[in-house]
Amino acid sequence: MTVHDLFERQLDAIAAADLEALLAQYHDEAEVVRFDRVARGPAEIRELFAAYLAAGPRVEEVTSLATTDDVVLYRAAMTVGGGRVTAFGTLVVRDGRIWRQTAVALPAP
């Protein structure tokens, strides 16, 4: 499995609004860093993604993607909570699962 495969599974889980599939992607010691909050560990990450999926995120297009053996850097056009955004993020992988994630969504121009 490559980090590209992991990223594709991430997109599939978001598209299906499948919280359990999404959570299975995350390392037990994962942290998700956003400007509005930091979620650490399984319970906080579950809470964060349950709220995120409730906002009905839809990835319209991945506009940029760069990967190494253990890092994914992406930019995507999305709709979240009914608004168009440009999302930017980084996934750092450890033991085949997401260990660190950064994410920011800015209103689309």
PDB file of N, CA and C in Angstrom:
ATOM      1  N   MET A   1       0.823  -1.184   0.000  1.00  0.00           N
ATOM      2  CA  MET A   1       0.000   0.000   0.000  1.00  0.00           C
ATOM      3  C   MET A   1       0.875   1.259   0.000  1.00  0.00           C
ATOM      4  N   THR A   2       0.496   2.224  -0.805  1.00  0.00           N
ATOM      5  CA  THR A   2       1.229   3.481  -0.881  1.00  0.00           C
ATOM      6  C   THR A   2       0.431   4.582  -0.183  1.00  0.00           C
ATOM      7  N   VAL A   3       1.066   5.730   0.032  1.00  0.00           N
ATOM      8  CA  VAL A   3       0.336   6.858   0.608  1.00  0.00           C
ATOM      9  C   VAL A   3      -0.740   7.345  -0.366  1.00  0.00           C
ATOM     10  N   HIS A   4      -0.515   7.145  -1.648  1.00  0.00           N
ATOM     11  CA  HIS A   4      -1.535   7.517  -2.634  1.00  0.00           C
ATOM     12  C   HIS A   4      -2.779   6.648  -2.441  1.00  0.00           C
ATOM     13  N   ASP A   5      -2.598   5.355  -2.200  1.00  0.00           N
ATOM     14  CA  ASP A   5      -3.724   4.456  -1.917  1.00  0.00           C
ATOM     15  C   ASP A   5      -4.473   4.905  -0.662  1.00  0.00           C
ATOM     16  N   LEU A   6      -3.732   5.259   0.377  1.00  0.00           N
ATOM     17  CA  LEU A   6      -4.332   5.725   1.614  1.00  0.00           C
ATOM     18  C   LEU A   6      -5.161   6.991   1.355  1.00  0.00           C
ATOM     19  N   PHE A   7      -4.629   7.912   0.558  1.00  0.00           N
ATOM     20  CA  PHE A   7      -5.345   9.138   0.230  1.00  0.00           C
ATOM     21  C   PHE A   7      -6.638   8.822  -0.535  1.00  0.00           C
ATOM     22  N   GLU A   8      -6.569   7.886  -1.454  1.00  0.00           N
ATOM     23  CA  GLU A   8      -7.772   7.498  -2.204  1.00  0.00           C
ATOM     24  C   GLU A   8      -8.823   6.893  -1.275  1.00  0.00           C
ATOM     25  N   ARG A   9      -8.391   6.082  -0.308  1.00  0.00           N
ATOM     26  CA  ARG A   9      -9.334   5.526   0.671  1.00  0.00           C
ATOM     27  C   ARG A   9      -9.948   6.641   1.517  1.00  0.00           C
ATOM     28  N   GLN A  10      -9.153   7.651   1.812  1.00  0.00           N
ATOM     29  CA  GLN A  10      -9.650   8.805   2.573  1.00  0.00           C
ATOM     30  C   GLN A  10     -10.772   9.503   1.793  1.00  0.00           C
ATOM     31  N   LEU A  11     -10.524   9.738   0.515  1.00  0.00           N
ATOM     32  CA  LEU A  11     -11.532  10.381  -0.331  1.00  0.00           C
ATOM     33  C   LEU A  11     -12.791   9.523  -0.428  1.00  0.00           C
ATOM     34  N   ASP A  12     -12.623   8.207  -0.570  1.00  0.00           N
ATOM     35  CA  ASP A  12     -13.764   7.294  -0.654  1.00  0.00           C
ATOM     36  C   ASP A  12     -14.588   7.326   0.630  1.00  0.00           C
ATOM     37  N   ALA A  13     -13.926   7.343   1.780  1.00  0.00           N
ATOM     38  CA  ALA A  13     -14.634   7.369   3.063  1.00  0.00           C
ATOM     39  C   ALA A  13     -15.414   8.668   3.231  1.00  0.00           C
ATOM     40  N   ILE A  14     -14.825   9.776   2.799  1.00  0.00           N
ATOM     41  CA  ILE A  14     -15.525  11.061   2.872  1.00  0.00           C
ATOM     42  C   ILE A  14     -16.727  11.045   1.939  1.00  0.00           C
ATOM     43  N   ALA A  15     -16.542  10.556   0.721  1.00  0.00           N
ATOM     44  CA  ALA A  15     -17.642  10.511  -0.258  1.00  0.00           C
ATOM     45  C   ALA A  15     -18.802   9.650   0.247  1.00  0.00           C
ATOM     46  N   ALA A  16     -18.480   8.578   0.952  1.00  0.00           N
ATOM     47  CA  ALA A  16     -19.506   7.669   1.466  1.00  0.00           C
ATOM     48  C   ALA A  16     -20.046   8.108   2.833  1.00  0.00           C
ATOM     49  N   ALA A  17     -19.460   9.182   3.389  1.00  0.00           N
ATOM     50  CA  ALA A  17     -19.815   9.627   4.749  1.00  0.00           C
ATOM     51  C   ALA A  17     -19.694   8.463   5.729  1.00  0.00           C
ATOM     52  N   ASP A  18     -18.639   7.665   5.566  1.00  0.00           N
ATOM     53  CA  ASP A  18     -18.416   6.464   6.366  1.00  0.00           C
ATOM     54  C   ASP A  18     -17.430   6.773   7.496  1.00  0.00           C
ATOM     55  N   LEU A  19     -17.976   7.121   8.652  1.00  0.00           N
ATOM     56  CA  LEU A  19     -17.145   7.506   9.786  1.00  0.00           C
ATOM     57  C   LEU A  19     -16.192   6.392  10.191  1.00  0.00           C
ATOM     58  N   GLU A  20     -16.662   5.164  10.247  1.00  0.00           N
ATOM     59  CA  GLU A  20     -15.802   4.060  10.686  1.00  0.00           C
ATOM     60  C   GLU A  20     -14.641   3.825   9.716  1.00  0.00           C
ATOM     61  N   ALA A  21     -14.917   3.897   8.417  1.00  0.00           N
ATOM     62  CA  ALA A  21     -13.844   3.748   7.424  1.00  0.00           C
ATOM     63  C   ALA A  21     -12.843   4.888   7.552  1.00  0.00           C
ATOM     64  N   LEU A  22     -13.332   6.081   7.805  1.00  0.00           N
ATOM     65  CA  LEU A  22     -12.454   7.234   7.964  1.00  0.00           C
ATOM     66  C   LEU A  22     -11.574   7.065   9.197  1.00  0.00           C
ATOM     67  N   LEU A  23     -12.170   6.679  10.307  1.00  0.00           N
ATOM     68  CA  LEU A  23     -11.411   6.505  11.542  1.00  0.00           C
ATOM     69  C   LEU A  23     -10.388   5.381  11.449  1.00  0.00           C
ATOM     70  N   ALA A  24     -10.670   4.361  10.660  1.00  0.00           N
ATOM     71  CA  ALA A  24      -9.737   3.248  10.488  1.00  0.00           C
ATOM     72  C   ALA A  24      -8.438   3.698   9.823  1.00  0.00           C
ATOM     73  N   GLN A  25      -8.462   4.837   9.185  1.00  0.00           N
ATOM     74  CA  GLN A  25      -7.281   5.382   8.515  1.00  0.00           C
ATOM     75  C   GLN A  25      -6.266   5.961   9.509  1.00  0.00           C
ATOM     76  N   TYR A  26      -6.701   6.228  10.745  1.00  0.00           N
ATOM     77  CA  TYR A  26      -5.894   6.995  11.692  1.00  0.00           C
ATOM     78  C   TYR A  26      -5.160   6.122  12.691  1.00  0.00           C
ATOM     79  N   HIS A  27      -3.913   6.456  12.908  1.00  0.00           N
ATOM     80  CA  HIS A  27      -3.043   5.821  13.894  1.00  0.00           C
ATOM     81  C   HIS A  27      -3.614   6.074  15.294  1.00  0.00           C
ATOM     82  N   ASP A  28      -3.373   5.181  16.226  1.00  0.00           N
ATOM     83  CA  ASP A  28      -3.859   5.359  17.597  1.00  0.00           C
ATOM     84  C   ASP A  28      -3.292   6.613  18.263  1.00  0.00           C
ATOM     85  N   GLU A  29      -2.134   7.078  17.808  1.00  0.00           N
ATOM     86  CA  GLU A  29      -1.499   8.277  18.365  1.00  0.00           C
ATOM     87  C   GLU A  29      -1.649   9.485  17.442  1.00  0.00           C
ATOM     88  N   ALA A  30      -2.664   9.463  16.601  1.00  0.00           N
ATOM     89  CA  ALA A  30      -2.853  10.524  15.605  1.00  0.00           C
ATOM     90  C   ALA A  30      -3.222  11.856  16.241  1.00  0.00           C
ATOM     91  N   GLU A  31      -2.868  12.921  15.511  1.00  0.00           N
ATOM     92  CA  GLU A  31      -3.291  14.281  15.823  1.00  0.00           C
ATOM     93  C   GLU A  31      -3.751  14.923  14.531  1.00  0.00           C
ATOM     94  N   VAL A  32      -4.856  15.665  14.614  1.00  0.00           N
ATOM     95  CA  VAL A  32      -5.359  16.431  13.481  1.00  0.00           C
ATOM     96  C   VAL A  32      -5.313  17.896  13.904  1.00  0.00           C
ATOM     97  N   VAL A  33      -4.568  18.708  13.145  1.00  0.00           N
ATOM     98  CA  VAL A  33      -4.373  20.116  13.486  1.00  0.00           C
ATOM     99  C   VAL A  33      -5.105  20.983  12.480  1.00  0.00           C
ATOM    100  N   ARG A  34      -6.039  21.768  12.997  1.00  0.00           N
ATOM    101  CA  ARG A  34      -6.745  22.759  12.196  1.00  0.00           C
ATOM    102  C   ARG A  34      -6.618  24.098  12.917  1.00  0.00           C
ATOM    103  N   PHE A  35      -6.974  25.199  12.252  1.00  0.00           N
ATOM    104  CA  PHE A  35      -6.886  26.496  12.909  1.00  0.00           C
ATOM    105  C   PHE A  35      -7.877  26.616  14.061  1.00  0.00           C
ATOM    106  N   ASP A  36      -9.025  25.948  13.974  1.00  0.00           N
ATOM    107  CA  ASP A  36     -10.041  26.091  15.011  1.00  0.00           C
ATOM    108  C   ASP A  36      -9.889  25.103  16.162  1.00  0.00           C
ATOM    109  N   ARG A  37      -9.085  24.058  15.967  1.00  0.00           N
ATOM    110  CA  ARG A  37      -8.896  23.092  17.047  1.00  0.00           C
ATOM    111  C   ARG A  37      -7.826  22.077  16.687  1.00  0.00           C
ATOM    112  N   VAL A  38      -7.366  21.375  17.717  1.00  0.00           N
ATOM    113  CA  VAL A  38      -6.470  20.232  17.552  1.00  0.00           C
ATOM    114  C   VAL A  38      -7.174  19.037  18.182  1.00  0.00           C
ATOM    115  N   ALA A  39      -7.265  17.945  17.435  1.00  0.00           N
ATOM    116  CA  ALA A  39      -7.859  16.712  17.951  1.00  0.00           C
ATOM    117  C   ALA A  39      -6.739  15.693  18.125  1.00  0.00           C
ATOM    118  N   ARG A  40      -6.669  15.131  19.341  1.00  0.00           N
ATOM    119  CA  ARG A  40      -5.636  14.148  19.656  1.00  0.00           C
ATOM    120  C   ARG A  40      -6.287  12.845  20.106  1.00  0.00           C
ATOM    121  N   GLY A  41      -5.851  11.751  19.513  1.00  0.00           N
ATOM    122  CA  GLY A  41      -6.313  10.443  19.935  1.00  0.00           C
ATOM    123  C   GLY A  41      -7.676  10.075  19.371  1.00  0.00           C
ATOM    124  N   PRO A  42      -8.022   8.805  19.494  1.00  0.00           N
ATOM    125  CA  PRO A  42      -9.229   8.283  18.863  1.00  0.00           C
ATOM    126  C   PRO A  42     -10.533   8.988  19.247  1.00  0.00           C
ATOM    127  N   ALA A  43     -10.745   9.298  20.506  1.00  0.00           N
ATOM    128  CA  ALA A  43     -12.025   9.897  20.929  1.00  0.00           C
ATOM    129  C   ALA A  43     -12.199  11.296  20.335  1.00  0.00           C
ATOM    130  N   GLU A  44     -11.171  12.123  20.427  1.00  0.00           N
ATOM    131  CA  GLU A  44     -11.273  13.484  19.899  1.00  0.00           C
ATOM    132  C   GLU A  44     -11.367  13.489  18.376  1.00  0.00           C
ATOM    133  N   ILE A  45     -10.653  12.574  17.733  1.00  0.00           N
ATOM    134  CA  ILE A  45     -10.708  12.502  16.266  1.00  0.00           C
ATOM    135  C   ILE A  45     -12.079  11.999  15.819  1.00  0.00           C
ATOM    136  N   ARG A  46     -12.671  11.076  16.553  1.00  0.00           N
ATOM    137  CA  ARG A  46     -14.038  10.622  16.251  1.00  0.00           C
ATOM    138  C   ARG A  46     -15.007  11.801  16.326  1.00  0.00           C
ATOM    139  N   GLU A  47     -14.915  12.583  17.377  1.00  0.00           N
ATOM    140  CA  GLU A  47     -15.797  13.744  17.554  1.00  0.00           C
ATOM    141  C   GLU A  47     -15.612  14.746  16.417  1.00  0.00           C
ATOM    142  N   LEU A  48     -14.362  15.021  16.064  1.00  0.00           N
ATOM    143  CA  LEU A  48     -14.066  15.970  14.986  1.00  0.00           C
ATOM    144  C   LEU A  48     -14.663  15.508  13.664  1.00  0.00           C
ATOM    145  N   PHE A  49     -14.450  14.239  13.300  1.00  0.00           N
ATOM    146  CA  PHE A  49     -14.923  13.759  12.005  1.00  0.00           C
ATOM    147  C   PHE A  49     -16.428  13.489  11.974  1.00  0.00           C
ATOM    148  N   ALA A  50     -17.025  13.181  13.115  1.00  0.00           N
ATOM    149  CA  ALA A  50     -18.481  13.054  13.143  1.00  0.00           C
ATOM    150  C   ALA A  50     -19.114  14.402  12.792  1.00  0.00           C
ATOM    151  N   ALA A  51     -18.584  15.481  13.369  1.00  0.00           N
ATOM    152  CA  ALA A  51     -19.093  16.825  13.059  1.00  0.00           C
ATOM    153  C   ALA A  51     -18.795  17.197  11.607  1.00  0.00           C
ATOM    154  N   TYR A  52     -17.613  16.850  11.132  1.00  0.00           N
ATOM    155  CA  TYR A  52     -17.228  17.153   9.751  1.00  0.00           C
ATOM    156  C   TYR A  52     -18.157  16.446   8.758  1.00  0.00           C
ATOM    157  N   LEU A  53     -18.390  15.161   8.964  1.00  0.00           N
ATOM    158  CA  LEU A  53     -19.265  14.427   8.052  1.00  0.00           C
ATOM    159  C   LEU A  53     -20.708  14.925   8.126  1.00  0.00           C
ATOM    160  N   ALA A  54     -21.125  15.416   9.290  1.00  0.00           N
ATOM    161  CA  ALA A  54     -22.469  15.981   9.425  1.00  0.00           C
ATOM    162  C   ALA A  54     -22.633  17.246   8.578  1.00  0.00           C
ATOM    163  N   ALA A  55     -21.520  17.913   8.260  1.00  0.00           N
ATOM    164  CA  ALA A  55     -21.559  19.115   7.419  1.00  0.00           C
ATOM    165  C   ALA A  55     -21.640  18.778   5.931  1.00  0.00           C
ATOM    166  N   GLY A  56     -21.665  17.491   5.603  1.00  0.00           N
ATOM    167  CA  GLY A  56     -21.838  17.058   4.216  1.00  0.00           C
ATOM    168  C   GLY A  56     -20.705  17.434   3.281  1.00  0.00           C
ATOM    169  N   PRO A  57     -19.439  17.141   3.655  1.00  0.00           N
ATOM    170  CA  PRO A  57     -18.335  17.496   2.760  1.00  0.00           C
ATOM    171  C   PRO A  57     -18.396  16.719   1.447  1.00  0.00           C
ATOM    172  N   ARG A  58     -18.068  17.403   0.383  1.00  0.00           N
ATOM    173  CA  ARG A  58     -18.011  16.760  -0.938  1.00  0.00           C
ATOM    174  C   ARG A  58     -16.772  17.275  -1.658  1.00  0.00           C
ATOM    175  N   VAL A  59     -15.875  16.386  -1.994  1.00  0.00           N
ATOM    176  CA  VAL A  59     -14.674  16.750  -2.747  1.00  0.00           C
ATOM    177  C   VAL A  59     -15.068  16.842  -4.214  1.00  0.00           C
ATOM    178  N   GLU A  60     -14.979  18.039  -4.755  1.00  0.00           N
ATOM    179  CA  GLU A  60     -15.321  18.262  -6.161  1.00  0.00           C
ATOM    180  C   GLU A  60     -14.153  17.871  -7.070  1.00  0.00           C
ATOM    181  N   GLU A  61     -12.940  18.268  -6.643  1.00  0.00           N
ATOM    182  CA  GLU A  61     -11.756  17.996  -7.459  1.00  0.00           C
ATOM    183  C   GLU A  61     -10.500  18.161  -6.611  1.00  0.00           C
ATOM    184  N   VAL A  62      -9.591  17.214  -6.718  1.00  0.00           N
ATOM    185  CA  VAL A  62      -8.261  17.374  -6.134  1.00  0.00           C
ATOM    186  C   VAL A  62      -7.446  18.122  -7.174  1.00  0.00           C
ATOM    187  N   THR A  63      -7.072  19.357  -6.853  1.00  0.00           N
ATOM    188  CA  THR A  63      -6.419  20.215  -7.842  1.00  0.00           C
ATOM    189  C   THR A  63      -4.896  20.134  -7.803  1.00  0.00           C
ATOM    190  N   SER A  64      -4.338  19.698  -6.673  1.00  0.00           N
ATOM    191  CA  SER A  64      -2.889  19.486  -6.571  1.00  0.00           C
ATOM    192  C   SER A  64      -2.638  18.349  -5.604  1.00  0.00           C
ATOM    193  N   LEU A  65      -1.635  17.540  -5.919  1.00  0.00           N
ATOM    194  CA  LEU A  65      -1.292  16.411  -5.066  1.00  0.00           C
ATOM    195  C   LEU A  65       0.196  16.133  -5.201  1.00  0.00           C
ATOM    196  N   ALA A  66       0.874  16.058  -4.046  1.00  0.00           N
ATOM    197  CA  ALA A  66       2.287  15.681  -4.016  1.00  0.00           C
ATOM    198  C   ALA A  66       2.453  14.638  -2.922  1.00  0.00           C
ATOM    199  N   THR A  67       3.244  13.613  -3.194  1.00  0.00           N
ATOM    200  CA  THR A  67       3.453  12.553  -2.214  1.00  0.00           C
ATOM    201  C   THR A  67       4.923  12.175  -2.133  1.00  0.00           C
ATOM    202  N   THR A  68       5.311  11.693  -0.948  1.00  0.00           N
ATOM    203  CA  THR A  68       6.590  11.017  -0.759  1.00  0.00           C
ATOM    204  C   THR A  68       6.246   9.652  -0.176  1.00  0.00           C
ATOM    205  N   ASP A  69       7.222   8.973   0.391  1.00  0.00           N
ATOM    206  CA  ASP A  69       6.948   7.665   0.981  1.00  0.00           C
ATOM    207  C   ASP A  69       5.985   7.737   2.157  1.00  0.00           C
ATOM    208  N   ASP A  70       5.990   8.876   2.885  1.00  0.00           N
ATOM    209  CA  ASP A  70       5.162   8.958   4.086  1.00  0.00           C
ATOM    210  C   ASP A  70       4.394  10.269   4.248  1.00  0.00           C
ATOM    211  N   VAL A  71       4.321  11.075   3.184  1.00  0.00           N
ATOM    212  CA  VAL A  71       3.628  12.365   3.262  1.00  0.00           C
ATOM    213  C   VAL A  71       2.748  12.566   2.030  1.00  0.00           C
ATOM    214  N   VAL A  72       1.547  13.093   2.281  1.00  0.00           N
ATOM    215  CA  VAL A  72       0.640  13.533   1.214  1.00  0.00           C
ATOM    216  C   VAL A  72       0.381  15.019   1.443  1.00  0.00           C
ATOM    217  N   LEU A  73       0.539  15.817   0.408  1.00  0.00           N
ATOM    218  CA  LEU A  73       0.207  17.237   0.435  1.00  0.00           C
ATOM    219  C   LEU A  73      -0.834  17.459  -0.650  1.00  0.00           C
ATOM    220  N   TYR A  74      -1.963  18.070  -0.293  1.00  0.00           N
ATOM    221  CA  TYR A  74      -3.041  18.191  -1.272  1.00  0.00           C
ATOM    222  C   TYR A  74      -3.701  19.571  -1.228  1.00  0.00           C
ATOM    223  N   ARG A  75      -4.346  19.886  -2.332  1.00  0.00           N
ATOM    224  CA  ARG A  75      -5.260  21.032  -2.443  1.00  0.00           C
ATOM    225  C   ARG A  75      -6.482  20.508  -3.172  1.00  0.00           C
ATOM    226  N   ALA A  76      -7.676  20.867  -2.679  1.00  0.00           N
ATOM    227  CA  ALA A  76      -8.900  20.351  -3.282  1.00  0.00           C
ATOM    228  C   ALA A  76      -9.986  21.417  -3.276  1.00  0.00           C
ATOM    229  N   ALA A  77     -10.812  21.379  -4.315  1.00  0.00           N
ATOM    230  CA  ALA A  77     -12.033  22.180  -4.362  1.00  0.00           C
ATOM    231  C   ALA A  77     -13.122  21.339  -3.720  1.00  0.00           C
ATOM    232  N   MET A  78     -13.812  21.912  -2.731  1.00  0.00           N
ATOM    233  CA  MET A  78     -14.806  21.160  -1.972  1.00  0.00           C
ATOM    234  C   MET A  78     -16.039  22.005  -1.707  1.00  0.00           C
ATOM    235  N   THR A  79     -17.091  21.305  -1.332  1.00  0.00           N
ATOM    236  CA  THR A  79     -18.272  21.932  -0.757  1.00  0.00           C
ATOM    237  C   THR A  79     -18.407  21.364   0.650  1.00  0.00           C
ATOM    238  N   VAL A  80     -18.485  22.249   1.638  1.00  0.00           N
ATOM    239  CA  VAL A  80     -18.630  21.831   3.028  1.00  0.00           C
ATOM    240  C   VAL A  80     -19.693  22.727   3.663  1.00  0.00           C
ATOM    241  N   GLY A  81     -20.683  22.129   4.261  1.00  0.00           N
ATOM    242  CA  GLY A  81     -21.738  22.913   4.883  1.00  0.00           C
ATOM    243  C   GLY A  81     -22.463  23.813   3.891  1.00  0.00           C
ATOM    244  N   GLY A  82     -22.502  23.373   2.633  1.00  0.00           N
ATOM    245  CA  GLY A  82     -23.181  24.139   1.595  1.00  0.00           C
ATOM    246  C   GLY A  82     -22.354  25.239   0.973  1.00  0.00           C
ATOM    247  N   GLY A  83     -21.145  25.480   1.477  1.00  0.00           N
ATOM    248  CA  GLY A  83     -20.283  26.532   0.923  1.00  0.00           C
ATOM    249  C   GLY A  83     -19.097  25.966   0.173  1.00  0.00           C
ATOM    250  N   ARG A  84     -18.701  26.656  -0.882  1.00  0.00           N
ATOM    251  CA  ARG A  84     -17.526  26.233  -1.662  1.00  0.00           C
ATOM    252  C   ARG A  84     -16.265  26.694  -0.944  1.00  0.00           C
ATOM    253  N   VAL A  85     -15.307  25.785  -0.815  1.00  0.00           N
ATOM    254  CA  VAL A  85     -14.031  26.084  -0.167  1.00  0.00           C
ATOM    255  C   VAL A  85     -12.886  25.497  -0.979  1.00  0.00           C
ATOM    256  N   THR A  86     -11.717  26.051  -0.747  1.00  0.00           N
ATOM    257  CA  THR A  86     -10.482  25.440  -1.220  1.00  0.00           C
ATOM    258  C   THR A  86      -9.813  24.863   0.018  1.00  0.00           C
ATOM    259  N   ALA A  87      -9.609  23.559   0.022  1.00  0.00           N
ATOM    260  CA  ALA A  87      -9.023  22.864   1.164  1.00  0.00           C
ATOM    261  C   ALA A  87      -7.564  22.557   0.876  1.00  0.00           C
ATOM    262  N   PHE A  88      -6.739  22.735   1.897  1.00  0.00           N
ATOM    263  CA  PHE A  88      -5.320  22.415   1.831  1.00  0.00           C
ATOM    264  C   PHE A  88      -5.007  21.510   3.009  1.00  0.00           C
ATOM    265  N   GLY A  89      -4.130  20.541   2.804  1.00  0.00           N
ATOM    266  CA  GLY A  89      -3.792  19.694   3.928  1.00  0.00           C
ATOM    267  C   GLY A  89      -2.576  18.834   3.697  1.00  0.00           C
ATOM    268  N   THR A  90      -2.144  18.254   4.799  1.00  0.00           N
ATOM    269  CA  THR A  90      -0.998  17.352   4.810  1.00  0.00           C
ATOM    270  C   THR A  90      -1.373  16.126   5.632  1.00  0.00           C
ATOM    271  N   LEU A  91      -1.024  14.967   5.140  1.00  0.00           N
ATOM    272  CA  LEU A  91      -1.148  13.723   5.887  1.00  0.00           C
ATOM    273  C   LEU A  91       0.258  13.150   6.056  1.00  0.00           C
ATOM    274  N   VAL A  92       0.640  12.855   7.278  1.00  0.00           N
ATOM    275  CA  VAL A  92       1.913  12.196   7.552  1.00  0.00           C
ATOM    276  C   VAL A  92       1.575  10.791   8.036  1.00  0.00           C
ATOM    277  N   VAL A  93       2.157   9.799   7.400  1.00  0.00           N
ATOM    278  CA  VAL A  93       1.790   8.398   7.632  1.00  0.00           C
ATOM    279  C   VAL A  93       2.861   7.695   8.456  1.00  0.00           C
ATOM    280  N   ARG A  94       2.383   6.914   9.418  1.00  0.00           N
ATOM    281  CA  ARG A  94       3.255   6.048  10.218  1.00  0.00           C
ATOM    282  C   ARG A  94       2.565   4.700  10.326  1.00  0.00           C
ATOM    283  N   ASP A  95       3.304   3.635  10.095  1.00  0.00           N
ATOM    284  CA  ASP A  95       2.760   2.274  10.186  1.00  0.00           C
ATOM    285  C   ASP A  95       1.525   2.091   9.300  1.00  0.00           C
ATOM    286  N   GLY A  96       1.506   2.762   8.144  1.00  0.00           N
ATOM    287  CA  GLY A  96       0.426   2.598   7.181  1.00  0.00           C
ATOM    288  C   GLY A  96      -0.858   3.340   7.497  1.00  0.00           C
ATOM    289  N   ARG A  97      -0.843   4.174   8.540  1.00  0.00           N
ATOM    290  CA  ARG A  97      -2.031   4.933   8.928  1.00  0.00           C
ATOM    291  C   ARG A  97      -1.663   6.395   9.143  1.00  0.00           C
ATOM    292  N   ILE A  98      -2.651   7.260   9.138  1.00  0.00           N
ATOM    293  CA  ILE A  98      -2.399   8.698   9.299  1.00  0.00           C
ATOM    294  C   ILE A  98      -2.018   8.972  10.744  1.00  0.00           C
ATOM    295  N   TRP A  99      -0.835   9.536  10.914  1.00  0.00           N
ATOM    296  CA  TRP A  99      -0.290   9.833  12.240  1.00  0.00           C
ATOM    297  C   TRP A  99      -0.450  11.315  12.569  1.00  0.00           C
ATOM    298  N   ARG A 100      -0.246  12.169  11.577  1.00  0.00           N
ATOM    299  CA  ARG A 100      -0.426  13.612  11.734  1.00  0.00           C
ATOM    300  C   ARG A 100      -1.158  14.130  10.509  1.00  0.00           C
ATOM    301  N   GLN A 101      -2.074  15.075  10.737  1.00  0.00           N
ATOM    302  CA  GLN A 101      -2.797  15.710   9.641  1.00  0.00           C
ATOM    303  C   GLN A 101      -2.932  17.189   9.942  1.00  0.00           C
ATOM    304  N   THR A 102      -2.707  17.997   8.924  1.00  0.00           N
ATOM    305  CA  THR A 102      -3.059  19.414   8.997  1.00  0.00           C
ATOM    306  C   THR A 102      -4.127  19.655   7.953  1.00  0.00           C
ATOM    307  N   ALA A 103      -5.056  20.561   8.261  1.00  0.00           N
ATOM    308  CA  ALA A 103      -6.124  20.846   7.305  1.00  0.00           C
ATOM    309  C   ALA A 103      -6.616  22.275   7.511  1.00  0.00           C
ATOM    310  N   VAL A 104      -6.850  22.947   6.392  1.00  0.00           N
ATOM    311  CA  VAL A 104      -7.449  24.282   6.423  1.00  0.00           C
ATOM    312  C   VAL A 104      -8.360  24.399   5.195  1.00  0.00           C
ATOM    313  N   ALA A 105      -9.489  25.071   5.389  1.00  0.00           N
ATOM    314  CA  ALA A 105     -10.415  25.311   4.276  1.00  0.00           C
ATOM    315  C   ALA A 105     -10.673  26.811   4.226  1.00  0.00           C
ATOM    316  N   LEU A 106     -10.424  27.386   3.052  1.00  0.00           N
ATOM    317  CA  LEU A 106     -10.635  28.809   2.839  1.00  0.00           C
ATOM    318  C   LEU A 106     -11.783  29.011   1.844  1.00  0.00           C
ATOM    319  N   PRO A 107     -12.588  30.047   2.046  1.00  0.00           N
ATOM    320  CA  PRO A 107     -13.669  30.285   1.078  1.00  0.00           C
ATOM    321  C   PRO A 107     -13.121  30.342  -0.331  1.00  0.00           C
ATOM    322  N   ALA A 108     -13.815  29.673  -1.244  1.00  0.00           N
ATOM    323  CA  ALA A 108     -13.385  29.665  -2.651  1.00  0.00           C
ATOM    324  C   ALA A 108     -13.606  31.054  -3.234  1.00  0.00           C
ATOM    325  N   PRO A 109     -12.689  31.464  -4.116  1.00  0.00           N
ATOM    326  CA  PRO A 109     -12.846  32.787  -4.745  1.00  0.00           C
ATOM    327  C   PRO A 109     -14.058  32.859  -5.651  1.00  0.00           C
TER     328      PRO A 109
END
